[in-house]
Amino acid sequence: MRALVFLGLLMLPTPALASDPETWLIAVDRWGNAEYSEMVIEDDGGVLTGHLGDVPLAGRRQGDLITVSATDSDHNVWRFTATLDGDRLNGSADYPDPNDDDVRATHAVTGRRLELPAGPAPAHLTFEPQTFSNEFTAHREPVLVIRPGDVVSTTTLDSGGVDEHGRTRALYGNPQTGPFYVAGAGPGDVLAVRIHRLKLTRDWADSLDGVVGKAMTTGLAAQATGLGNRVRWRLDREAGTARLENPPERLRDYVVPVRPMLGGLGVAPDFGFAPFSTGDTGRFGGNMDFNGLVEGATVYLPVFQPGALLFLGDGHALQGDGETTQWALETSLAVEFSVEVLPGRPMSSPRIETADRITVIGQAGSLDDALRAATAGMIQWLAQDYGMSVSESSLVLGTAAQYRVVTLAGRNAGMALSLDKSVLAALPRK
């Protein structure tokens, strides 16, 4: 059972009397590959008890030295010895060899004690980011621990790493704020991310002229030579509009309403996967660039790592379907969000819910494959929530499916398949 493999490291500075439970994020270095686990433990006069999920732990503490063992229901045993140093620990783990039941293997162990927000939950938390990530990864330390129901206010950079003051704060390529560690979220769960507010934090945005390669014929490409130039837009935050700073004559009166959105939203990928660039997408979410990631939307993502490790960024003031100019109206945002942890269910693709519709995002190397992924993902959702067979789902899609191009600008193309909730309202749910 892999869950125990990485878990074990016990630790916890404690007084002679029983202490409050403490939460630790543990990393076991398995031949150069870090596996992570959340562990909660208590110290009662040097006697340690606790759990990782449903698996009990037991051990002792003498001074700063901790020894612990974990035994699963199949009687597999993992043993840990670690030294505490404030909110950190270092030590070794004695594991079963994965290929030989009669052999043990020793691995290095490190850990960090996690501080949950003080006071009752839910709380309103404010986080001012100082660093940003250019990867969706489990190897970056959490910037803040949050609980389900907590409302978090934070900010993002634009895709070029520029903040609301025009200062470069990170490398270009959609740098993300985070990761946020969600207490109680573990592999197999589903993370529901509710976007409460997206607010422009500056009066300008940048895009490009031209058309992305996936949307051009060879004839159009010949006409587009020399395009791909930076274009500045002026944002009127009070009026909620955008207009070109230096418009050509035919676009002098071109004014569009802004609709702030997040281009990037994702969790850390599973053990065994390398970190993903913040330009990439997958089941974990990522640089989806879906213009439906707006205020009021709830995004559902499968959890692969302890705490989920949620990243968000790549703010857009406005984006047409497909992000056909390679850059949307790239800008910085103030973001307010909350999360919930839901029981696990198979999810082949990210899911989005608003007040009036449900949507599945298909992501692949081509639009054809992205459309197939979106279709399969929606049929999976209808089977789970309504018990529909493929035949029954096909009749719903054939009469109510709404397909939209999500993005053409990244390494992956994206397609969205939506259904209005009104067409499902009369159907019995499982």
Protein backbone atom coordinates (compact mmCIF):
# COMPACT_ATOMS: atom_id res chain seq x y z
CA MET A 1 0.00 0.00 0.00
CA ARG A 2 1.92 3.01 -1.26
CA ALA A 3 0.20 5.38 1.12
CA LEU A 4 2.31 4.14 3.97
CA VAL A 5 5.45 3.95 2.13
CA PHE A 6 6.10 7.59 2.29
CA LEU A 7 4.32 8.30 5.40
CA GLY A 8 5.87 7.35 8.38
CA LEU A 9 8.25 9.83 9.75
CA LEU A 10 7.36 10.69 13.18
CA MET A 11 8.13 13.75 14.78
CA LEU A 12 6.80 16.38 16.95
CA PRO A 13 8.17 18.57 19.63
CA THR A 14 5.98 18.00 22.67
CA PRO A 15 5.74 18.72 26.33
CA ALA A 16 5.52 16.07 29.02
CA LEU A 17 1.73 16.23 28.91
CA ALA A 18 -0.38 15.30 25.94
CA SER A 19 -0.05 17.89 23.18
CA ASP A 20 -2.47 19.01 20.53
CA PRO A 21 -2.24 17.00 17.32
CA GLU A 22 0.32 18.30 14.86
CA THR A 23 0.31 17.97 11.09
CA TRP A 24 3.52 17.22 9.20
CA LEU A 25 4.37 16.99 5.54
CA ILE A 26 6.89 14.18 5.08
CA ALA A 27 9.17 13.39 2.16
CA VAL A 28 10.89 10.02 1.73
CA ASP A 29 13.73 9.96 -0.80
CA ARG A 30 13.20 6.67 -2.62
CA TRP A 31 16.26 6.30 -4.80
CA GLY A 32 16.17 9.95 -5.81
CA ASN A 33 12.35 10.19 -6.04
CA ALA A 34 10.53 12.14 -3.33
CA GLU A 35 7.24 10.71 -2.08
CA TYR A 36 5.08 12.86 0.16
CA SER A 37 2.59 12.18 2.92
CA GLU A 38 0.56 14.09 5.49
CA MET A 39 0.85 12.75 9.00
CA VAL A 40 -1.03 13.80 12.12
CA ILE A 41 0.44 12.76 15.49
CA GLU A 42 0.09 13.36 19.22
CA ASP A 43 2.72 13.15 21.97
CA ASP A 44 1.54 12.00 25.39
CA GLY A 45 4.56 12.17 27.68
CA GLY A 46 6.88 10.75 25.04
CA VAL A 47 4.44 8.15 23.73
CA LEU A 48 3.53 8.92 20.11
CA THR A 49 0.28 7.97 18.41
CA GLY A 50 -1.28 9.14 15.20
CA HIS A 51 -2.33 8.21 11.74
CA LEU A 52 -1.89 8.70 8.06
CA GLY A 53 -5.37 8.39 6.68
CA ASP A 54 -6.75 5.27 8.35
CA VAL A 55 -3.35 3.75 9.08
CA PRO A 56 -2.29 3.94 12.74
CA LEU A 57 1.21 4.94 13.84
CA ALA A 58 2.95 4.33 17.16
CA GLY A 59 6.32 5.26 18.62
CA ARG A 60 8.32 7.13 21.23
CA ARG A 61 10.20 10.36 21.66
CA GLN A 62 13.37 10.81 23.71
CA GLY A 63 14.54 14.42 23.63
CA ASP A 64 14.77 15.37 19.97
CA LEU A 65 14.92 11.75 18.76
CA ILE A 66 11.79 10.05 17.49
CA THR A 67 11.27 6.42 16.55
CA VAL A 68 8.03 5.27 14.96
CA SER A 69 6.56 2.35 13.10
CA ALA A 70 3.51 1.99 10.88
CA THR A 71 1.79 -1.29 10.09
CA ASP A 72 -0.89 -1.68 7.44
CA SER A 73 -3.72 -4.21 7.33
CA ASP A 74 -1.51 -6.63 5.35
CA HIS A 75 1.08 -6.51 8.16
CA ASN A 76 3.65 -4.61 6.12
CA VAL A 77 5.86 -2.60 8.48
CA TRP A 78 7.63 0.75 7.93
CA ARG A 79 10.01 2.06 10.59
CA PHE A 80 11.32 5.59 11.04
CA THR A 81 14.00 7.30 13.06
CA ALA A 82 14.26 11.09 12.94
CA THR A 83 15.77 14.05 14.78
CA LEU A 84 13.67 17.15 15.38
CA ASP A 85 14.97 20.66 14.80
CA GLY A 86 12.18 23.17 15.42
CA ASP A 87 9.59 22.70 12.71
CA ARG A 88 11.87 20.42 10.65
CA LEU A 89 12.98 16.83 10.96
CA ASN A 90 15.65 14.68 9.35
CA GLY A 91 16.22 10.97 9.59
CA SER A 92 15.90 7.62 7.89
CA ALA A 93 13.13 5.23 6.94
CA ASP A 94 13.38 1.44 6.93
CA TYR A 95 11.09 0.17 4.17
CA PRO A 96 10.29 -3.18 2.59
CA ASP A 97 12.10 -3.66 -0.69
CA PRO A 98 9.45 -3.31 -3.46
CA ASN A 99 10.90 -6.29 -5.35
CA ASP A 100 11.94 -8.69 -2.60
CA ASP A 101 9.83 -9.46 0.49
CA ASP A 102 12.90 -10.66 2.40
CA VAL A 103 14.94 -7.47 1.91
CA ARG A 104 14.68 -4.06 3.59
CA ALA A 105 15.75 -0.70 2.14
CA THR A 106 16.88 2.45 3.95
CA HIS A 107 15.84 5.90 2.66
CA ALA A 108 16.44 9.46 3.82
CA VAL A 109 13.47 11.23 5.37
CA THR A 110 12.77 14.94 5.78
CA GLY A 111 9.70 16.70 7.16
CA ARG A 112 8.12 20.07 7.76
CA ARG A 113 5.52 20.83 10.42
CA LEU A 114 2.50 22.57 8.91
CA GLU A 115 0.81 25.47 10.68
CA LEU A 116 -2.93 25.50 10.27
CA PRO A 117 -4.72 28.87 10.42
CA ALA A 118 -5.47 30.01 13.95
CA GLY A 119 -9.02 30.33 15.19
CA PRO A 120 -12.24 28.67 14.14
CA ALA A 121 -12.94 27.60 10.60
CA PRO A 122 -13.89 28.93 8.17
CA ALA A 123 -11.71 32.03 8.22
CA HIS A 124 -10.85 34.82 5.80
CA LEU A 125 -7.13 34.67 5.02
CA THR A 126 -4.98 37.16 3.12
CA PHE A 127 -1.81 36.01 1.39
CA GLU A 128 0.71 38.38 -0.21
CA PRO A 129 2.93 36.27 -2.51
CA GLN A 130 6.68 36.91 -2.45
CA THR A 131 7.75 34.15 -4.82
CA PHE A 132 6.08 32.47 -7.77
CA SER A 133 6.29 29.09 -9.46
CA ASN A 134 6.92 28.26 -13.12
CA GLU A 135 6.00 24.63 -12.50
CA PHE A 136 3.03 22.62 -11.28
CA THR A 137 4.96 20.47 -8.84
CA ALA A 138 4.82 18.65 -5.51
CA HIS A 139 8.42 19.64 -4.75
CA ARG A 140 7.73 23.29 -3.93
CA GLU A 141 7.04 24.05 -0.27
CA PRO A 142 3.49 25.23 0.47
CA VAL A 143 3.14 28.99 0.85
CA LEU A 144 0.05 28.73 3.07
CA VAL A 145 -2.00 26.01 4.72
CA ILE A 146 -5.74 26.49 4.26
CA ARG A 147 -8.78 24.57 5.45
CA PRO A 148 -11.91 23.65 3.50
CA GLY A 149 -14.24 26.61 3.71
CA ASP A 150 -11.55 29.22 4.35
CA VAL A 151 -11.79 32.16 1.97
CA VAL A 152 -8.39 33.23 0.64
CA SER A 153 -7.57 36.65 -0.83
CA THR A 154 -4.37 36.85 -2.87
CA THR A 155 -2.90 38.29 -6.07
CA THR A 156 -1.42 37.02 -9.32
CA LEU A 157 1.08 38.27 -11.87
CA ASP A 158 0.49 38.48 -15.60
CA SER A 159 1.87 35.79 -17.92
CA GLY A 160 5.13 37.72 -18.29
CA GLY A 161 5.80 37.81 -14.55
CA VAL A 162 4.81 41.48 -14.13
CA ASP A 163 2.83 42.73 -11.11
CA GLU A 164 0.28 45.50 -10.68
CA HIS A 165 3.06 48.12 -10.38
CA GLY A 166 4.71 47.13 -13.65
CA ARG A 167 7.61 45.38 -11.91
CA THR A 168 8.97 42.05 -13.10
CA ARG A 169 8.65 39.64 -10.17
CA ALA A 170 9.08 36.25 -11.86
CA LEU A 171 10.14 34.54 -15.05
CA TYR A 172 7.73 34.80 -17.99
CA GLY A 173 5.67 31.74 -18.90
CA ASN A 174 2.56 32.05 -16.68
CA PRO A 175 4.17 32.15 -13.19
CA GLN A 176 1.71 30.91 -10.56
CA THR A 177 0.85 31.97 -7.03
CA GLY A 178 1.13 29.04 -4.60
CA PRO A 179 1.02 26.23 -3.84
CA PHE A 180 -1.70 26.36 -1.22
CA TYR A 181 -1.81 23.27 1.01
CA VAL A 182 -5.38 22.12 1.68
CA ALA A 183 -5.56 20.44 5.09
CA GLY A 184 -7.24 17.05 4.89
CA ALA A 185 -6.96 16.67 1.11
CA GLY A 186 -5.24 13.48 0.01
CA PRO A 187 -4.65 11.33 -3.05
CA GLY A 188 -7.93 10.06 -4.46
CA ASP A 189 -10.00 13.04 -3.28
CA VAL A 190 -11.52 15.71 -5.51
CA LEU A 191 -10.72 19.38 -4.87
CA ALA A 192 -13.53 21.86 -5.59
CA VAL A 193 -12.16 25.38 -6.09
CA ARG A 194 -14.77 28.15 -5.96
CA ILE A 195 -13.74 31.47 -7.56
CA HIS A 196 -15.47 34.18 -5.53
CA ARG A 197 -13.84 37.29 -6.98
CA LEU A 198 -11.48 38.32 -9.80
CA LYS A 199 -10.58 42.00 -9.83
CA LEU A 200 -8.27 43.97 -12.12
CA THR A 201 -5.35 45.52 -10.22
CA ARG A 202 -3.91 47.79 -12.93
CA ASP A 203 -5.04 49.95 -15.84
CA TRP A 204 -3.31 48.16 -18.71
CA ALA A 205 -2.94 44.78 -20.36
CA ASP A 206 -0.79 43.37 -23.16
CA SER A 207 -1.70 41.11 -26.05
CA LEU A 208 -0.24 40.34 -29.48
CA ASP A 209 -1.45 40.83 -33.01
CA GLY A 210 -1.60 37.86 -35.36
CA VAL A 211 -3.24 34.44 -35.37
CA VAL A 212 -1.90 31.27 -33.72
CA GLY A 213 -0.53 28.61 -36.03
CA LYS A 214 -3.26 26.07 -35.18
CA ALA A 215 -5.85 28.48 -36.62
CA MET A 216 -4.08 29.47 -39.87
CA THR A 217 -4.20 28.14 -43.38
CA THR A 218 -1.00 28.31 -45.43
CA GLY A 219 -2.48 31.22 -47.36
CA LEU A 220 -3.28 33.16 -44.20
CA ALA A 221 0.19 32.43 -42.82
CA ALA A 222 1.70 34.08 -45.88
CA GLN A 223 -0.35 37.21 -45.17
CA ALA A 224 0.55 37.23 -41.46
CA THR A 225 4.31 37.59 -41.95
CA GLY A 226 5.70 40.09 -39.47
CA LEU A 227 2.84 39.81 -36.99
CA GLY A 228 3.12 38.72 -33.37
CA ASN A 229 3.84 42.21 -32.07
CA ARG A 230 3.04 43.38 -28.54
CA VAL A 231 -0.17 45.43 -28.32
CA ARG A 232 -1.04 47.59 -25.29
CA TRP A 233 -4.65 47.88 -24.07
CA ARG A 234 -5.98 50.46 -21.64
CA LEU A 235 -8.33 49.12 -18.97
CA ASP A 236 -11.03 51.33 -17.50
CA ARG A 237 -11.62 49.58 -14.20
CA GLU A 238 -14.55 51.81 -13.25
CA ALA A 239 -16.38 51.35 -16.56
CA GLY A 240 -15.26 47.73 -16.94
CA THR A 241 -13.98 48.17 -20.49
CA ALA A 242 -10.81 47.79 -22.56
CA ARG A 243 -9.65 49.76 -25.60
CA LEU A 244 -6.45 49.85 -27.65
CA GLU A 245 -3.87 52.38 -26.48
CA ASN A 246 -2.72 53.18 -30.03
CA PRO A 247 -5.53 51.90 -32.25
CA PRO A 248 -5.34 51.74 -36.03
CA GLU A 249 -7.89 53.94 -37.76
CA ARG A 250 -10.51 51.21 -38.22
CA LEU A 251 -10.37 50.25 -34.52
CA ARG A 252 -10.36 53.75 -33.06
CA ASP A 253 -13.82 53.22 -31.56
CA TYR A 254 -13.35 49.54 -30.71
CA VAL A 255 -14.25 49.10 -27.01
CA VAL A 256 -14.93 45.74 -25.34
CA PRO A 257 -16.25 44.84 -21.87
CA VAL A 258 -13.69 43.12 -19.67
CA ARG A 259 -14.37 39.70 -18.15
CA PRO A 260 -11.49 38.83 -15.80
CA MET A 261 -10.48 35.14 -15.82
CA LEU A 262 -7.73 32.84 -14.62
CA GLY A 263 -5.67 31.24 -17.37
CA GLY A 264 -3.91 28.93 -14.90
CA LEU A 265 -5.42 26.75 -12.16
CA GLY A 266 -4.02 23.38 -11.20
CA VAL A 267 -2.78 20.99 -8.53
CA ALA A 268 0.48 19.08 -8.18
CA PRO A 269 0.78 15.98 -10.41
CA ASP A 270 1.09 12.45 -9.05
CA PHE A 271 4.22 10.67 -7.81
CA GLY A 272 6.22 9.36 -10.76
CA PHE A 273 5.40 12.36 -12.95
CA ALA A 274 7.97 15.07 -13.51
CA PRO A 275 6.88 18.64 -12.70
CA PHE A 276 4.83 20.22 -15.47
CA SER A 277 5.63 23.63 -16.93
CA THR A 278 3.07 26.35 -16.19
CA GLY A 279 2.45 26.34 -19.93
CA ASP A 280 1.19 22.73 -19.82
CA THR A 281 -2.15 21.09 -19.08
CA GLY A 282 -3.40 17.69 -17.95
CA ARG A 283 -5.84 15.97 -15.61
CA PHE A 284 -4.34 18.16 -12.88
CA GLY A 285 -5.65 21.30 -14.64
CA GLY A 286 -2.78 23.65 -15.47
CA ASN A 287 -2.64 26.38 -18.12
CA MET A 288 -6.18 25.68 -19.31
CA ASP A 289 -6.83 29.23 -20.63
CA PHE A 290 -10.61 28.66 -20.53
CA ASN A 291 -12.50 31.93 -20.53
CA GLY A 292 -15.14 30.30 -18.33
CA LEU A 293 -12.82 30.41 -15.29
CA VAL A 294 -14.52 33.55 -14.00
CA GLU A 295 -16.22 34.73 -10.83
CA GLY A 296 -18.81 32.23 -9.64
CA ALA A 297 -17.24 29.19 -11.33
CA THR A 298 -16.33 26.06 -9.37
CA VAL A 299 -13.49 23.96 -10.77
CA TYR A 300 -13.19 20.26 -9.89
CA LEU A 301 -9.73 18.66 -10.00
CA PRO A 302 -8.50 15.22 -8.88
CA VAL A 303 -6.04 15.24 -5.97
CA PHE A 304 -2.75 13.37 -6.41
CA GLN A 305 -0.62 14.65 -3.51
CA PRO A 306 -1.16 15.32 0.20
CA GLY A 307 -2.71 18.76 0.54
CA ALA A 308 -3.50 18.88 -3.21
CA LEU A 309 -1.02 21.81 -3.63
CA LEU A 310 -3.13 24.33 -5.51
CA PHE A 311 -1.58 26.86 -7.93
CA LEU A 312 -3.29 29.76 -9.73
CA GLY A 313 -2.21 32.58 -12.03
CA ASP A 314 -2.00 33.90 -15.61
CA GLY A 315 -4.64 36.59 -15.18
CA HIS A 316 -6.57 37.83 -18.22
CA ALA A 317 -8.77 40.90 -18.43
CA LEU A 318 -10.53 39.32 -21.43
CA GLN A 319 -10.04 36.42 -23.81
CA GLY A 320 -11.94 35.30 -26.88
CA ASP A 321 -12.47 31.57 -27.48
CA GLY A 322 -9.22 29.90 -28.47
CA GLU A 323 -6.85 32.68 -27.31
CA THR A 324 -6.13 33.12 -31.02
CA THR A 325 -3.62 35.98 -30.60
CA GLN A 326 -1.34 33.74 -28.45
CA TRP A 327 -1.69 36.21 -25.59
CA ALA A 328 -5.09 37.24 -24.27
CA LEU A 329 -5.37 40.60 -22.51
CA GLU A 330 -2.65 39.64 -20.04
CA THR A 331 -2.81 41.48 -16.71
CA SER A 332 -2.53 41.10 -12.94
CA LEU A 333 -5.49 40.20 -10.74
CA ALA A 334 -6.74 40.17 -7.18
CA VAL A 335 -8.27 36.76 -6.49
CA GLU A 336 -10.61 35.49 -3.80
CA PHE A 337 -11.32 31.77 -3.62
CA SER A 338 -12.27 28.92 -1.32
CA VAL A 339 -11.96 25.13 -1.53
CA GLU A 340 -13.83 22.03 -0.48
CA VAL A 341 -12.58 18.43 -0.35
CA LEU A 342 -14.98 15.92 -1.90
CA PRO A 343 -14.92 12.10 -1.91
CA GLY A 344 -12.86 10.66 -4.72
CA ARG A 345 -14.33 9.64 -8.06
CA PRO A 346 -12.71 8.90 -11.43
CA MET A 347 -12.14 12.09 -13.41
CA SER A 348 -10.58 11.90 -16.83
CA SER A 349 -10.65 15.70 -17.34
CA PRO A 350 -11.11 18.91 -15.33
CA ARG A 351 -14.72 19.85 -14.65
CA ILE A 352 -16.32 23.27 -14.20
CA GLU A 353 -19.72 24.17 -12.78
CA THR A 354 -21.54 27.50 -12.83
CA ALA A 355 -25.04 28.48 -11.81
CA ASP A 356 -26.46 27.49 -15.19
CA ARG A 357 -24.21 24.85 -16.75
CA ILE A 358 -21.69 22.05 -16.32
CA THR A 359 -18.55 21.83 -18.48
CA VAL A 360 -15.77 19.35 -19.13
CA ILE A 361 -12.42 20.52 -20.53
CA GLY A 362 -10.72 18.17 -22.98
CA GLN A 363 -6.99 18.81 -23.47
CA ALA A 364 -4.75 17.11 -26.03
CA GLY A 365 -2.22 17.72 -28.76
CA SER A 366 -4.91 18.33 -31.38
CA LEU A 367 -8.42 19.70 -31.43
CA ASP A 368 -9.74 16.33 -32.61
CA ASP A 369 -8.28 14.54 -29.59
CA ALA A 370 -9.33 17.36 -27.24
CA LEU A 371 -12.91 17.04 -28.49
CA ARG A 372 -12.81 13.29 -27.89
CA ALA A 373 -11.47 13.86 -24.36
CA ALA A 374 -14.20 16.39 -23.57
CA THR A 375 -16.91 14.05 -24.88
CA ALA A 376 -15.63 11.07 -22.88
CA GLY A 377 -15.33 13.23 -19.79
CA MET A 378 -18.92 14.45 -20.01
CA ILE A 379 -20.28 10.94 -20.56
CA GLN A 380 -18.30 9.87 -17.47
CA TRP A 381 -19.87 12.73 -15.47
CA LEU A 382 -23.41 11.86 -16.60
CA ALA A 383 -22.85 8.22 -15.67
CA GLN A 384 -21.62 9.16 -12.19
CA ASP A 385 -24.30 11.73 -11.33
CA TYR A 386 -27.29 10.41 -13.27
CA GLY A 387 -26.51 6.74 -13.83
CA MET A 388 -26.78 7.16 -17.60
CA SER A 389 -25.55 4.54 -20.03
CA VAL A 390 -23.50 5.61 -23.03
CA SER A 391 -26.63 5.24 -25.16
CA GLU A 392 -28.65 7.51 -22.88
CA SER A 393 -25.83 10.06 -22.64
CA SER A 394 -25.52 10.14 -26.42
CA LEU A 395 -29.15 11.22 -26.72
CA VAL A 396 -28.59 14.07 -24.27
CA LEU A 397 -25.43 15.21 -26.08
CA GLY A 398 -27.08 14.90 -29.45
CA THR A 399 -29.76 17.38 -28.45
CA ALA A 400 -28.02 19.71 -25.98
CA ALA A 401 -24.20 19.58 -26.32
CA GLN A 402 -22.39 22.90 -26.68
CA TYR A 403 -18.78 22.66 -27.90
CA ARG A 404 -16.36 25.59 -27.69
CA VAL A 405 -12.71 25.94 -28.54
CA VAL A 406 -10.90 26.66 -25.25
CA THR A 407 -7.37 27.39 -26.40
CA LEU A 408 -5.13 27.05 -29.44
CA ALA A 409 -2.21 28.95 -27.96
CA GLY A 410 -0.44 26.33 -25.83
CA ARG A 411 1.31 23.06 -26.51
CA ASN A 412 -2.08 21.40 -26.00
CA ALA A 413 -5.32 22.40 -27.64
CA GLY A 414 -8.45 22.59 -25.50
CA MET A 415 -12.14 21.94 -26.13
CA ALA A 416 -15.04 22.58 -23.75
CA LEU A 417 -18.25 20.55 -23.76
CA SER A 418 -21.08 22.18 -21.81
CA LEU A 419 -24.64 21.23 -20.92
CA ASP A 420 -27.20 23.70 -19.62
CA LYS A 421 -28.49 22.57 -16.24
CA SER A 422 -32.02 23.28 -17.45
CA VAL A 423 -31.95 20.23 -19.74
CA LEU A 424 -30.91 18.02 -16.80
CA ALA A 425 -33.26 19.47 -14.21
CA ALA A 426 -36.03 16.89 -14.70
CA LEU A 427 -33.70 13.87 -14.72
CA PRO A 428 -33.31 11.71 -11.59
CA ARG A 429 -29.88 11.86 -9.96
CA LYS A 430 -28.09 8.91 -8.45
